[in-house]
Amino acid sequence: MKPPPSPSVSLSAADMRAGALLAQALVQLAAEHARERGASDSVVIAALASALGLVAASVTRTNGYNPADFQAFVANHFTYAFDCESRGRVYH
């Protein structure tokens, strides 16, 4: 099994911007969907976490990554994004 990509690998400015735009679009879509359906914050968080888990598991299988290593990779990035947003910084 292959290890997941290293978080220390530098991404190009274009890749970072593409990731930031995708994250912003997902958040906006989730907020609009929740507003239209009266979904609670807990439902939105659970749905987004489920979607992340589904996509991450698919990426793991498709690329032959070690599942435990990729799970740690995703959890570490989630923690980084959460910490940055909690401090008011934009993480992307």
PDB file of N, CA and C in Angstrom:
ATOM      1  N   MET A   1       0.830  -1.186   0.000  1.00  0.00           N
ATOM      2  CA  MET A   1       0.000   0.000   0.000  1.00  0.00           C
ATOM      3  C   MET A   1       0.869   1.242   0.000  1.00  0.00           C
ATOM      4  N   LYS A   2       0.398   2.218  -0.718  1.00  0.00           N
ATOM      5  CA  LYS A   2       1.131   3.476  -0.807  1.00  0.00           C
ATOM      6  C   LYS A   2       0.751   4.390   0.354  1.00  0.00           C
ATOM      7  N   PRO A   3       1.701   5.235   0.796  1.00  0.00           N
ATOM      8  CA  PRO A   3       1.347   6.237   1.802  1.00  0.00           C
ATOM      9  C   PRO A   3       0.562   7.364   1.131  1.00  0.00           C
ATOM     10  N   PRO A   4      -0.241   8.098   1.898  1.00  0.00           N
ATOM     11  CA  PRO A   4      -0.960   9.233   1.307  1.00  0.00           C
ATOM     12  C   PRO A   4       0.023  10.339   0.967  1.00  0.00           C
ATOM     13  N   PRO A   5      -0.433  11.320   0.203  1.00  0.00           N
ATOM     14  CA  PRO A   5       0.456  12.436  -0.113  1.00  0.00           C
ATOM     15  C   PRO A   5       0.906  13.134   1.164  1.00  0.00           C
ATOM     16  N   SER A   6       2.109  13.616   1.152  1.00  0.00           N
ATOM     17  CA  SER A   6       2.653  14.296   2.320  1.00  0.00           C
ATOM     18  C   SER A   6       2.054  15.693   2.429  1.00  0.00           C
ATOM     19  N   PRO A   7       1.616  16.093   3.637  1.00  0.00           N
ATOM     20  CA  PRO A   7       1.099  17.455   3.776  1.00  0.00           C
ATOM     21  C   PRO A   7       2.168  18.511   3.567  1.00  0.00           C
ATOM     22  N   SER A   8       3.438  18.091   3.631  1.00  0.00           N
ATOM     23  CA  SER A   8       4.513  19.065   3.454  1.00  0.00           C
ATOM     24  C   SER A   8       4.821  19.330   1.982  1.00  0.00           C
ATOM     25  N   VAL A   9       4.193  18.568   1.092  1.00  0.00           N
ATOM     26  CA  VAL A   9       4.403  18.785  -0.337  1.00  0.00           C
ATOM     27  C   VAL A   9       3.799  20.132  -0.708  1.00  0.00           C
ATOM     28  N   SER A  10       4.581  20.960  -1.358  1.00  0.00           N
ATOM     29  CA  SER A  10       4.108  22.281  -1.747  1.00  0.00           C
ATOM     30  C   SER A  10       3.148  22.174  -2.923  1.00  0.00           C
ATOM     31  N   LEU A  11       2.041  22.853  -2.793  1.00  0.00           N
ATOM     32  CA  LEU A  11       1.086  22.945  -3.885  1.00  0.00           C
ATOM     33  C   LEU A  11       1.319  24.255  -4.617  1.00  0.00           C
ATOM     34  N   SER A  12       1.000  24.245  -5.887  1.00  0.00           N
ATOM     35  CA  SER A  12       1.126  25.478  -6.652  1.00  0.00           C
ATOM     36  C   SER A  12       0.064  26.471  -6.180  1.00  0.00           C
ATOM     37  N   ALA A  13       0.294  27.723  -6.466  1.00  0.00           N
ATOM     38  CA  ALA A  13      -0.681  28.758  -6.114  1.00  0.00           C
ATOM     39  C   ALA A  13      -2.019  28.477  -6.793  1.00  0.00           C
ATOM     40  N   ALA A  14      -1.975  27.984  -8.011  1.00  0.00           N
ATOM     41  CA  ALA A  14      -3.208  27.674  -8.733  1.00  0.00           C
ATOM     42  C   ALA A  14      -3.967  26.535  -8.056  1.00  0.00           C
ATOM     43  N   ASP A  15      -3.254  25.502  -7.593  1.00  0.00           N
ATOM     44  CA  ASP A  15      -3.905  24.395  -6.891  1.00  0.00           C
ATOM     45  C   ASP A  15      -4.506  24.859  -5.569  1.00  0.00           C
ATOM     46  N   MET A  16      -3.777  25.702  -4.852  1.00  0.00           N
ATOM     47  CA  MET A  16      -4.292  26.209  -3.577  1.00  0.00           C
ATOM     48  C   MET A  16      -5.540  27.049  -3.802  1.00  0.00           C
ATOM     49  N   ARG A  17      -5.528  27.865  -4.817  1.00  0.00           N
ATOM     50  CA  ARG A  17      -6.695  28.707  -5.127  1.00  0.00           C
ATOM     51  C   ARG A  17      -7.874  27.840  -5.554  1.00  0.00           C
ATOM     52  N   ALA A  18      -7.628  26.813  -6.361  1.00  0.00           N
ATOM     53  CA  ALA A  18      -8.700  25.914  -6.789  1.00  0.00           C
ATOM     54  C   ALA A  18      -9.314  25.218  -5.578  1.00  0.00           C
ATOM     55  N   GLY A  19      -8.497  24.795  -4.641  1.00  0.00           N
ATOM     56  CA  GLY A  19      -8.996  24.163  -3.426  1.00  0.00           C
ATOM     57  C   GLY A  19      -9.815  25.127  -2.588  1.00  0.00           C
ATOM     58  N   ALA A  20      -9.357  26.360  -2.478  1.00  0.00           N
ATOM     59  CA  ALA A  20     -10.077  27.370  -1.713  1.00  0.00           C
ATOM     60  C   ALA A  20     -11.439  27.661  -2.328  1.00  0.00           C
ATOM     61  N   LEU A  21     -11.478  27.773  -3.640  1.00  0.00           N
ATOM     62  CA  LEU A  21     -12.746  28.040  -4.322  1.00  0.00           C
ATOM     63  C   LEU A  21     -13.714  26.871  -4.169  1.00  0.00           C
ATOM     64  N   LEU A  22     -13.206  25.654  -4.252  1.00  0.00           N
ATOM     65  CA  LEU A  22     -14.060  24.479  -4.069  1.00  0.00           C
ATOM     66  C   LEU A  22     -14.621  24.449  -2.653  1.00  0.00           C
ATOM     67  N   ALA A  23     -13.784  24.706  -1.658  1.00  0.00           N
ATOM     68  CA  ALA A  23     -14.244  24.721  -0.264  1.00  0.00           C
ATOM     69  C   ALA A  23     -15.322  25.786  -0.067  1.00  0.00           C
ATOM     70  N   GLN A  24     -15.105  26.964  -0.609  1.00  0.00           N
ATOM     71  CA  GLN A  24     -16.088  28.040  -0.484  1.00  0.00           C
ATOM     72  C   GLN A  24     -17.408  27.655  -1.153  1.00  0.00           C
ATOM     73  N   ALA A  25     -17.334  27.041  -2.321  1.00  0.00           N
ATOM     74  CA  ALA A  25     -18.549  26.640  -3.034  1.00  0.00           C
ATOM     75  C   ALA A  25     -19.312  25.562  -2.269  1.00  0.00           C
ATOM     76  N   LEU A  26     -18.593  24.614  -1.678  1.00  0.00           N
ATOM     77  CA  LEU A  26     -19.248  23.557  -0.897  1.00  0.00           C
ATOM     78  C   LEU A  26     -19.946  24.131   0.334  1.00  0.00           C
ATOM     79  N   VAL A  27     -19.279  25.057   1.013  1.00  0.00           N
ATOM     80  CA  VAL A  27     -19.874  25.678   2.198  1.00  0.00           C
ATOM     81  C   VAL A  27     -21.121  26.465   1.809  1.00  0.00           C
ATOM     82  N   GLN A  28     -21.045  27.213   0.736  1.00  0.00           N
ATOM     83  CA  GLN A  28     -22.190  27.996   0.282  1.00  0.00           C
ATOM     84  C   GLN A  28     -23.355  27.085  -0.098  1.00  0.00           C
ATOM     85  N   LEU A  29     -23.081  26.030  -0.825  1.00  0.00           N
ATOM     86  CA  LEU A  29     -24.124  25.086  -1.228  1.00  0.00           C
ATOM     87  C   LEU A  29     -24.768  24.429  -0.009  1.00  0.00           C
ATOM     88  N   ALA A  30     -23.951  24.019   0.953  1.00  0.00           N
ATOM     89  CA  ALA A  30     -24.479  23.385   2.165  1.00  0.00           C
ATOM     90  C   ALA A  30     -25.350  24.374   2.957  1.00  0.00           C
ATOM     91  N   ALA A  31     -24.913  25.624   3.052  1.00  0.00           N
ATOM     92  CA  ALA A  31     -25.682  26.634   3.783  1.00  0.00           C
ATOM     93  C   ALA A  31     -27.029  26.900   3.107  1.00  0.00           C
ATOM     94  N   GLU A  32     -27.017  27.012   1.785  1.00  0.00           N
ATOM     95  CA  GLU A  32     -28.262  27.244   1.047  1.00  0.00           C
ATOM     96  C   GLU A  32     -29.211  26.057   1.214  1.00  0.00           C
ATOM     97  N   HIS A  33     -28.680  24.872   1.076  1.00  0.00           N
ATOM     98  CA  HIS A  33     -29.493  23.660   1.216  1.00  0.00           C
ATOM     99  C   HIS A  33     -30.093  23.587   2.618  1.00  0.00           C
ATOM    100  N   ALA A  34     -29.296  23.858   3.639  1.00  0.00           N
ATOM    101  CA  ALA A  34     -29.768  23.811   5.027  1.00  0.00           C
ATOM    102  C   ALA A  34     -30.853  24.856   5.274  1.00  0.00           C
ATOM    103  N   ARG A  35     -30.645  26.067   4.759  1.00  0.00           N
ATOM    104  CA  ARG A  35     -31.640  27.134   4.934  1.00  0.00           C
ATOM    105  C   ARG A  35     -32.972  26.751   4.305  1.00  0.00           C
ATOM    106  N   GLU A  36     -32.922  26.228   3.076  1.00  0.00           N
ATOM    107  CA  GLU A  36     -34.142  25.866   2.355  1.00  0.00           C
ATOM    108  C   GLU A  36     -34.920  24.757   3.053  1.00  0.00           C
ATOM    109  N   ARG A  37     -34.218  23.880   3.744  1.00  0.00           N
ATOM    110  CA  ARG A  37     -34.855  22.720   4.368  1.00  0.00           C
ATOM    111  C   ARG A  37     -34.935  22.816   5.891  1.00  0.00           C
ATOM    112  N   GLY A  38     -34.448  23.912   6.444  1.00  0.00           N
ATOM    113  CA  GLY A  38     -34.499  24.092   7.883  1.00  0.00           C
ATOM    114  C   GLY A  38     -33.634  23.107   8.653  1.00  0.00           C
ATOM    115  N   ALA A  39     -32.545  22.662   8.046  1.00  0.00           N
ATOM    116  CA  ALA A  39     -31.649  21.692   8.697  1.00  0.00           C
ATOM    117  C   ALA A  39     -30.830  22.373   9.787  1.00  0.00           C
ATOM    118  N   SER A  40     -30.623  21.663  10.869  1.00  0.00           N
ATOM    119  CA  SER A  40     -29.837  22.191  11.976  1.00  0.00           C
ATOM    120  C   SER A  40     -28.346  22.165  11.639  1.00  0.00           C
ATOM    121  N   ASP A  41     -27.568  22.900  12.421  1.00  0.00           N
ATOM    122  CA  ASP A  41     -26.115  22.887  12.248  1.00  0.00           C
ATOM    123  C   ASP A  41     -25.559  21.469  12.388  1.00  0.00           C
ATOM    124  N   SER A  42     -26.094  20.719  13.337  1.00  0.00           N
ATOM    125  CA  SER A  42     -25.617  19.347  13.552  1.00  0.00           C
ATOM    126  C   SER A  42     -25.840  18.475  12.326  1.00  0.00           C
ATOM    127  N   VAL A  43     -26.987  18.653  11.675  1.00  0.00           N
ATOM    128  CA  VAL A  43     -27.273  17.874  10.462  1.00  0.00           C
ATOM    129  C   VAL A  43     -26.297  18.262   9.352  1.00  0.00           C
ATOM    130  N   VAL A  44     -26.020  19.548   9.220  1.00  0.00           N
ATOM    131  CA  VAL A  44     -25.087  20.009   8.178  1.00  0.00           C
ATOM    132  C   VAL A  44     -23.695  19.445   8.427  1.00  0.00           C
ATOM    133  N   ILE A  45     -23.217  19.523   9.670  1.00  0.00           N
ATOM    134  CA  ILE A  45     -21.884  19.009   9.994  1.00  0.00           C
ATOM    135  C   ILE A  45     -21.819  17.508   9.738  1.00  0.00           C
ATOM    136  N   ALA A  46     -22.839  16.770  10.188  1.00  0.00           N
ATOM    137  CA  ALA A  46     -22.852  15.319   9.987  1.00  0.00           C
ATOM    138  C   ALA A  46     -22.869  14.967   8.495  1.00  0.00           C
ATOM    139  N   ALA A  47     -23.636  15.703   7.713  1.00  0.00           N
ATOM    140  CA  ALA A  47     -23.710  15.432   6.274  1.00  0.00           C
ATOM    141  C   ALA A  47     -22.377  15.717   5.588  1.00  0.00           C
ATOM    142  N   LEU A  48     -21.755  16.841   5.925  1.00  0.00           N
ATOM    143  CA  LEU A  48     -20.463  17.166   5.318  1.00  0.00           C
ATOM    144  C   LEU A  48     -19.382  16.180   5.745  1.00  0.00           C
ATOM    145  N   ALA A  49     -19.403  15.771   7.010  1.00  0.00           N
ATOM    146  CA  ALA A  49     -18.430  14.780   7.487  1.00  0.00           C
ATOM    147  C   ALA A  49     -18.641  13.437   6.780  1.00  0.00           C
ATOM    148  N   SER A  50     -19.903  13.058   6.591  1.00  0.00           N
ATOM    149  CA  SER A  50     -20.194  11.811   5.869  1.00  0.00           C
ATOM    150  C   SER A  50     -19.695  11.884   4.430  1.00  0.00           C
ATOM    151  N   ALA A  51     -19.946  13.010   3.782  1.00  0.00           N
ATOM    152  CA  ALA A  51     -19.485  13.179   2.402  1.00  0.00           C
ATOM    153  C   ALA A  51     -17.963  13.108   2.326  1.00  0.00           C
ATOM    154  N   LEU A  52     -17.282  13.751   3.265  1.00  0.00           N
ATOM    155  CA  LEU A  52     -15.824  13.702   3.294  1.00  0.00           C
ATOM    156  C   LEU A  52     -15.340  12.268   3.473  1.00  0.00           C
ATOM    157  N   GLY A  53     -15.976  11.540   4.387  1.00  0.00           N
ATOM    158  CA  GLY A  53     -15.595  10.147   4.605  1.00  0.00           C
ATOM    159  C   GLY A  53     -15.785   9.289   3.371  1.00  0.00           C
ATOM    160  N   LEU A  54     -16.892   9.482   2.674  1.00  0.00           N
ATOM    161  CA  LEU A  54     -17.158   8.712   1.451  1.00  0.00           C
ATOM    162  C   LEU A  54     -16.129   9.001   0.369  1.00  0.00           C
ATOM    163  N   VAL A  55     -15.834  10.279   0.161  1.00  0.00           N
ATOM    164  CA  VAL A  55     -14.863  10.661  -0.866  1.00  0.00           C
ATOM    165  C   VAL A  55     -13.465  10.187  -0.476  1.00  0.00           C
ATOM    166  N   ALA A  56     -13.096  10.362   0.783  1.00  0.00           N
ATOM    167  CA  ALA A  56     -11.759   9.956   1.230  1.00  0.00           C
ATOM    168  C   ALA A  56     -11.572   8.444   1.096  1.00  0.00           C
ATOM    169  N   ALA A  57     -12.594   7.664   1.434  1.00  0.00           N
ATOM    170  CA  ALA A  57     -12.492   6.207   1.299  1.00  0.00           C
ATOM    171  C   ALA A  57     -12.351   5.805  -0.170  1.00  0.00           C
ATOM    172  N   SER A  58     -13.075   6.486  -1.038  1.00  0.00           N
ATOM    173  CA  SER A  58     -12.971   6.196  -2.464  1.00  0.00           C
ATOM    174  C   SER A  58     -11.584   6.536  -3.004  1.00  0.00           C
ATOM    175  N   VAL A  59     -11.045   7.686  -2.592  1.00  0.00           N
ATOM    176  CA  VAL A  59      -9.692   8.084  -3.005  1.00  0.00           C
ATOM    177  C   VAL A  59      -8.668   7.072  -2.493  1.00  0.00           C
ATOM    178  N   THR A  60      -8.866   6.622  -1.256  1.00  0.00           N
ATOM    179  CA  THR A  60      -7.961   5.632  -0.665  1.00  0.00           C
ATOM    180  C   THR A  60      -7.939   4.356  -1.492  1.00  0.00           C
ATOM    181  N   ARG A  61      -9.129   3.831  -1.803  1.00  0.00           N
ATOM    182  CA  ARG A  61      -9.215   2.594  -2.602  1.00  0.00           C
ATOM    183  C   ARG A  61      -8.640   2.790  -3.998  1.00  0.00           C
ATOM    184  N   THR A  62      -9.037   3.875  -4.646  1.00  0.00           N
ATOM    185  CA  THR A  62      -8.628   4.123  -6.030  1.00  0.00           C
ATOM    186  C   THR A  62      -7.113   4.244  -6.170  1.00  0.00           C
ATOM    187  N   ASN A  63      -6.477   4.890  -5.181  1.00  0.00           N
ATOM    188  CA  ASN A  63      -5.039   5.141  -5.267  1.00  0.00           C
ATOM    189  C   ASN A  63      -4.192   4.129  -4.517  1.00  0.00           C
ATOM    190  N   GLY A  64      -4.830   3.176  -3.856  1.00  0.00           N
ATOM    191  CA  GLY A  64      -4.090   2.150  -3.139  1.00  0.00           C
ATOM    192  C   GLY A  64      -3.371   2.667  -1.907  1.00  0.00           C
ATOM    193  N   TYR A  65      -3.919   3.728  -1.301  1.00  0.00           N
ATOM    194  CA  TYR A  65      -3.305   4.276  -0.093  1.00  0.00           C
ATOM    195  C   TYR A  65      -3.589   3.366   1.098  1.00  0.00           C
ATOM    196  N   ASN A  66      -2.722   3.433   2.079  1.00  0.00           N
ATOM    197  CA  ASN A  66      -2.950   2.752   3.342  1.00  0.00           C
ATOM    198  C   ASN A  66      -4.124   3.452   4.026  1.00  0.00           C
ATOM    199  N   PRO A  67      -5.204   2.731   4.327  1.00  0.00           N
ATOM    200  CA  PRO A  67      -6.383   3.387   4.902  1.00  0.00           C
ATOM    201  C   PRO A  67      -6.115   4.129   6.214  1.00  0.00           C
ATOM    202  N   ALA A  68      -5.355   3.542   7.120  1.00  0.00           N
ATOM    203  CA  ALA A  68      -5.078   4.207   8.399  1.00  0.00           C
ATOM    204  C   ALA A  68      -4.273   5.484   8.185  1.00  0.00           C
ATOM    205  N   ASP A  69      -3.294   5.431   7.287  1.00  0.00           N
ATOM    206  CA  ASP A  69      -2.484   6.620   7.006  1.00  0.00           C
ATOM    207  C   ASP A  69      -3.323   7.716   6.358  1.00  0.00           C
ATOM    208  N   PHE A  70      -4.205   7.329   5.432  1.00  0.00           N
ATOM    209  CA  PHE A  70      -5.016   8.342   4.753  1.00  0.00           C
ATOM    210  C   PHE A  70      -6.044   8.930   5.705  1.00  0.00           C
ATOM    211  N   GLN A  71      -6.578   8.103   6.598  1.00  0.00           N
ATOM    212  CA  GLN A  71      -7.509   8.610   7.597  1.00  0.00           C
ATOM    213  C   GLN A  71      -6.810   9.650   8.486  1.00  0.00           C
ATOM    214  N   ALA A  72      -5.581   9.382   8.866  1.00  0.00           N
ATOM    215  CA  ALA A  72      -4.814  10.337   9.676  1.00  0.00           C
ATOM    216  C   ALA A  72      -4.543  11.615   8.881  1.00  0.00           C
ATOM    217  N   PHE A  73      -4.224  11.473   7.597  1.00  0.00           N
ATOM    218  CA  PHE A  73      -3.984  12.623   6.724  1.00  0.00           C
ATOM    219  C   PHE A  73      -5.223  13.525   6.685  1.00  0.00           C
ATOM    220  N   VAL A  74      -6.397  12.926   6.491  1.00  0.00           N
ATOM    221  CA  VAL A  74      -7.646  13.696   6.426  1.00  0.00           C
ATOM    222  C   VAL A  74      -7.952  14.335   7.780  1.00  0.00           C
ATOM    223  N   ALA A  75      -7.798  13.571   8.852  1.00  0.00           N
ATOM    224  CA  ALA A  75      -8.077  14.098  10.195  1.00  0.00           C
ATOM    225  C   ALA A  75      -7.151  15.260  10.537  1.00  0.00           C
ATOM    226  N   ASN A  76      -5.885  15.146  10.167  1.00  0.00           N
ATOM    227  CA  ASN A  76      -4.933  16.231  10.439  1.00  0.00           C
ATOM    228  C   ASN A  76      -5.304  17.501   9.684  1.00  0.00           C
ATOM    229  N   HIS A  77      -5.726  17.357   8.430  1.00  0.00           N
ATOM    230  CA  HIS A  77      -6.102  18.553   7.665  1.00  0.00           C
ATOM    231  C   HIS A  77      -7.396  19.150   8.212  1.00  0.00           C
ATOM    232  N   PHE A  78      -8.335  18.297   8.594  1.00  0.00           N
ATOM    233  CA  PHE A  78      -9.566  18.786   9.214  1.00  0.00           C
ATOM    234  C   PHE A  78      -9.238  19.606  10.462  1.00  0.00           C
ATOM    235  N   THR A  79      -8.371  19.077  11.301  1.00  0.00           N
ATOM    236  CA  THR A  79      -7.981  19.767  12.538  1.00  0.00           C
ATOM    237  C   THR A  79      -7.311  21.103  12.221  1.00  0.00           C
ATOM    238  N   TYR A  80      -6.452  21.109  11.223  1.00  0.00           N
ATOM    239  CA  TYR A  80      -5.777  22.342  10.807  1.00  0.00           C
ATOM    240  C   TYR A  80      -6.804  23.390  10.351  1.00  0.00           C
ATOM    241  N   ALA A  81      -7.736  22.983   9.502  1.00  0.00           N
ATOM    242  CA  ALA A  81      -8.751  23.916   9.006  1.00  0.00           C
ATOM    243  C   ALA A  81      -9.625  24.424  10.147  1.00  0.00           C
ATOM    244  N   PHE A  82     -10.029  23.526  11.040  1.00  0.00           N
ATOM    245  CA  PHE A  82     -10.858  23.904  12.188  1.00  0.00           C
ATOM    246  C   PHE A  82     -10.126  24.914  13.075  1.00  0.00           C
ATOM    247  N   ASP A  83      -8.874  24.621  13.382  1.00  0.00           N
ATOM    248  CA  ASP A  83      -8.090  25.522  14.234  1.00  0.00           C
ATOM    249  C   ASP A  83      -7.925  26.896  13.593  1.00  0.00           C
ATOM    250  N   CYS A  84      -7.627  26.921  12.318  1.00  0.00           N
ATOM    251  CA  CYS A  84      -7.450  28.202  11.622  1.00  0.00           C
ATOM    252  C   CYS A  84      -8.748  29.006  11.619  1.00  0.00           C
ATOM    253  N   GLU A  85      -9.849  28.360  11.311  1.00  0.00           N
ATOM    254  CA  GLU A  85     -11.135  29.059  11.272  1.00  0.00           C
ATOM    255  C   GLU A  85     -11.537  29.527  12.671  1.00  0.00           C
ATOM    256  N   SER A  86     -11.227  28.731  13.680  1.00  0.00           N
ATOM    257  CA  SER A  86     -11.562  29.107  15.058  1.00  0.00           C
ATOM    258  C   SER A  86     -10.814  30.357  15.498  1.00  0.00           C
ATOM    259  N   ARG A  87      -9.635  30.554  14.947  1.00  0.00           N
ATOM    260  CA  ARG A  87      -8.831  31.746  15.271  1.00  0.00           C
ATOM    261  C   ARG A  87      -9.159  32.928  14.367  1.00  0.00           C
ATOM    262  N   GLY A  88     -10.058  32.706  13.422  1.00  0.00           N
ATOM    263  CA  GLY A  88     -10.445  33.773  12.526  1.00  0.00           C
ATOM    264  C   GLY A  88      -9.568  33.901  11.299  1.00  0.00           C
ATOM    265  N   ARG A  89      -8.598  32.994  11.157  1.00  0.00           N
ATOM    266  CA  ARG A  89      -7.751  33.027   9.963  1.00  0.00           C
ATOM    267  C   ARG A  89      -8.433  32.234   8.849  1.00  0.00           C
ATOM    268  N   VAL A  90      -8.147  32.588   7.648  1.00  0.00           N
ATOM    269  CA  VAL A  90      -8.621  31.807   6.509  1.00  0.00           C
ATOM    270  C   VAL A  90      -7.537  30.776   6.217  1.00  0.00           C
ATOM    271  N   TYR A  91      -7.900  29.506   6.220  1.00  0.00           N
ATOM    272  CA  TYR A  91      -6.912  28.442   6.093  1.00  0.00           C
ATOM    273  C   TYR A  91      -6.495  28.157   4.678  1.00  0.00           C
ATOM    274  N   HIS A  92      -7.224  28.618   3.682  1.00  0.00           N
ATOM    275  CA  HIS A  92      -6.888  28.292   2.290  1.00  0.00           C
ATOM    276  C   HIS A  92      -6.412  29.509   1.537  1.00  0.00           C
TER     277      HIS A  92
END
